[in-house]
Amino acid sequence: MNEDALQKLSKYVHDARKPLNRISMQAELIKMALNGDVRKEKALAALDKIIASTKDCSATLSELTSEFSNSEVD
């Protein structure tokens, strides 16, 4: 893998980690809500953020796949 491809891969990995970190934090919030430490409304909002973050991560991984399948042809 050349330097340019490695830099692109690093960017995509970084971009995929951001929504994964959001998912983790929001899951912790839901866990707190189930323990009664946080209001139900916050847990519902956290679920919406988890859904959005999974879509963001999926989009990033699709971009990565597209980028590297295109570079294989080049």
C-alpha atoms as a PDB file:
ATOM      1  CA  MET A   1       0.000   0.000   0.000  1.00  0.00           C
ATOM      2  CA  ASN A   2       1.459   3.344  -0.993  1.00  0.00           C
ATOM      3  CA  GLU A   3       1.637   6.414   1.244  1.00  0.00           C
ATOM      4  CA  ASP A   4      -1.363   8.129  -0.383  1.00  0.00           C
ATOM      5  CA  ALA A   5      -3.555   5.061   0.063  1.00  0.00           C
ATOM      6  CA  LEU A   6      -2.441   4.693   3.670  1.00  0.00           C
ATOM      7  CA  GLN A   7      -3.330   8.328   4.400  1.00  0.00           C
ATOM      8  CA  LYS A   8      -6.771   7.864   2.815  1.00  0.00           C
ATOM      9  CA  LEU A   9      -7.337   4.692   4.817  1.00  0.00           C
ATOM     10  CA  SER A  10      -6.313   6.474   8.043  1.00  0.00           C
ATOM     11  CA  LYS A  11      -8.813   9.258   7.332  1.00  0.00           C
ATOM     12  CA  TYR A  12     -11.641   6.786   6.779  1.00  0.00           C
ATOM     13  CA  VAL A  13     -10.764   4.852   9.935  1.00  0.00           C
ATOM     14  CA  HIS A  14     -10.773   8.130  11.896  1.00  0.00           C
ATOM     15  CA  ASP A  15     -14.106   9.123  10.346  1.00  0.00           C
ATOM     16  CA  ALA A  16     -15.626   5.731  11.237  1.00  0.00           C
ATOM     17  CA  ARG A  17     -14.393   5.925  14.834  1.00  0.00           C
ATOM     18  CA  LYS A  18     -16.219   9.202  15.528  1.00  0.00           C
ATOM     19  CA  PRO A  19     -19.728   7.730  15.227  1.00  0.00           C
ATOM     20  CA  LEU A  20     -18.623   4.568  17.022  1.00  0.00           C
ATOM     21  CA  ASN A  21     -17.502   6.691  19.967  1.00  0.00           C
ATOM     22  CA  ARG A  22     -20.868   8.493  19.920  1.00  0.00           C
ATOM     23  CA  ILE A  23     -22.644   5.132  19.933  1.00  0.00           C
ATOM     24  CA  SER A  24     -20.633   4.000  22.939  1.00  0.00           C
ATOM     25  CA  MET A  25     -21.352   7.185  24.908  1.00  0.00           C
ATOM     26  CA  GLN A  26     -25.058   7.072  24.107  1.00  0.00           C
ATOM     27  CA  ALA A  27     -25.268   3.395  25.085  1.00  0.00           C
ATOM     28  CA  GLU A  28     -23.772   4.326  28.462  1.00  0.00           C
ATOM     29  CA  LEU A  29     -26.479   6.966  28.842  1.00  0.00           C
ATOM     30  CA  ILE A  30     -29.175   4.385  28.109  1.00  0.00           C
ATOM     31  CA  LYS A  31     -27.613   2.057  30.643  1.00  0.00           C
ATOM     32  CA  MET A  32     -27.826   4.848  33.221  1.00  0.00           C
ATOM     33  CA  ALA A  33     -31.475   5.408  32.300  1.00  0.00           C
ATOM     34  CA  LEU A  34     -32.245   1.731  32.806  1.00  0.00           C
ATOM     35  CA  ASN A  35     -30.677   1.998  36.256  1.00  0.00           C
ATOM     36  CA  GLY A  36     -32.930   4.976  36.988  1.00  0.00           C
ATOM     37  CA  ASP A  37     -30.103   7.517  37.041  1.00  0.00           C
ATOM     38  CA  VAL A  38     -31.269   9.389  33.907  1.00  0.00           C
ATOM     39  CA  ARG A  39     -34.744  10.365  32.639  1.00  0.00           C
ATOM     40  CA  LYS A  40     -36.454   8.143  30.049  1.00  0.00           C
ATOM     41  CA  GLU A  41     -36.534  11.052  27.550  1.00  0.00           C
ATOM     42  CA  LYS A  42     -32.734  11.228  27.579  1.00  0.00           C
ATOM     43  CA  ALA A  43     -32.556   7.512  26.831  1.00  0.00           C
ATOM     44  CA  LEU A  44     -34.959   7.897  23.899  1.00  0.00           C
ATOM     45  CA  ALA A  45     -32.875  10.774  22.533  1.00  0.00           C
ATOM     46  CA  ALA A  46     -29.753   8.631  22.957  1.00  0.00           C
ATOM     47  CA  LEU A  47     -31.355   5.876  20.884  1.00  0.00           C
ATOM     48  CA  ASP A  48     -32.017   8.375  18.079  1.00  0.00           C
ATOM     49  CA  LYS A  49     -28.356   9.425  18.222  1.00  0.00           C
ATOM     50  CA  ILE A  50     -27.239   5.787  18.094  1.00  0.00           C
ATOM     51  CA  ILE A  51     -29.374   5.193  14.999  1.00  0.00           C
ATOM     52  CA  ALA A  52     -27.964   8.303  13.307  1.00  0.00           C
ATOM     53  CA  SER A  53     -24.411   7.333  14.246  1.00  0.00           C
ATOM     54  CA  THR A  54     -24.768   3.834  12.820  1.00  0.00           C
ATOM     55  CA  LYS A  55     -25.924   5.405   9.552  1.00  0.00           C
ATOM     56  CA  ASP A  56     -22.923   7.784   9.611  1.00  0.00           C
ATOM     57  CA  CYS A  57     -20.533   4.900  10.216  1.00  0.00           C
ATOM     58  CA  SER A  58     -22.137   2.839   7.467  1.00  0.00           C
ATOM     59  CA  ALA A  59     -21.806   5.738   5.032  1.00  0.00           C
ATOM     60  CA  THR A  60     -18.134   6.169   5.902  1.00  0.00           C
ATOM     61  CA  LEU A  61     -17.460   2.472   5.392  1.00  0.00           C
ATOM     62  CA  SER A  62     -19.285   2.587   2.049  1.00  0.00           C
ATOM     63  CA  GLU A  63     -17.112   5.531   0.992  1.00  0.00           C
ATOM     64  CA  LEU A  64     -14.021   3.623   2.034  1.00  0.00           C
ATOM     65  CA  THR A  65     -15.080   0.575   0.031  1.00  0.00           C
ATOM     66  CA  SER A  66     -15.841   2.718  -2.990  1.00  0.00           C
ATOM     67  CA  GLU A  67     -12.571   4.639  -2.734  1.00  0.00           C
ATOM     68  CA  PHE A  68     -10.428   1.537  -2.487  1.00  0.00           C
ATOM     69  CA  SER A  69     -12.320  -0.438  -5.135  1.00  0.00           C
ATOM     70  CA  ASN A  70     -11.834   2.524  -7.494  1.00  0.00           C
ATOM     71  CA  SER A  71      -8.139   2.786  -6.660  1.00  0.00           C
ATOM     72  CA  GLU A  72      -7.670  -0.918  -7.384  1.00  0.00           C
ATOM     73  CA  VAL A  73      -8.821  -0.234 -10.950  1.00  0.00           C
ATOM     74  CA  ASP A  74      -6.537   2.807 -11.354  1.00  0.00           C
END
